[in-house]
Amino acid sequence: MIGHARPADHAAIAQVTRAAFGQPAEAELVDRLRADGDVVFELVASDAGTVVGHILFSRLWADSQELYVAMAPVSVHPNVQRTGVGSRLVRRGLEVARELGAYAVLVLGDPAYYSRFGFTAQAAARVKAPYAGSPAFMGLALEPGALDRPLLVAYPGAFSA
C-alpha cells in the first residue's frame, strides 16, 4: 500500500532509509529537508502496517515561475528490494508530482534503473545544476517543453550539507 507519509512514520522512514543505503547520510538528508521546509511531499510503502519503502520530492529553485522538483531519496528496505516496491513508489510519486503541478522532476541515480520511468540525461542536458554533466543526472518533463530551454536550478541546502 502506498500513501502519504505522516509524522508518525518518520522514525520508520529513517530506519528503512538507513537499511536501504547501509549508512545514515540519506536519512540525515531527509531530516534536514524536513527541518528546512523544503519537502514538497513524501510517500511511504507499507506492508501489513510496516513501512518498507519511502520516496521524497523536494522543491528546486528555478529561474522560472514553474514548479520543478528533485526526487531523492528513494529507499526500499533490503528485505523487499527487487519486488517492485521501489517502482511503485516512483510511479505513484510521479503521478502526485504531476497532480501538484510540477513541470519536471530531476534525479541523480542509476540510469539503468530510472530510465524505465522515462528519465534521461538528455532531458537534463539544458539544466544548470550542481550535478549537471553527470550521466546519473537525469530529468523527466511532466509538462510538454518543461526541459526544452536552458534552465538554472538550485537544490536545497540540505543536499550540500
Foldseek 3Di string as FASTA:
>chain_A
DKDWDDPVCLVLAQVQQCQQVVHNLQNVLVVVCVVVVFWPTKMFDDDPRHTFWIKTWGWKDKPDPFTEIEIDDTGGHPVCPPVCPSVVRVVVVLVVCVVVRHQKYKYQADCVPCVVVPWFLVLCQLEDEPPNPDRRITMDGSHPPSSVHRMYIYDPPSVVD
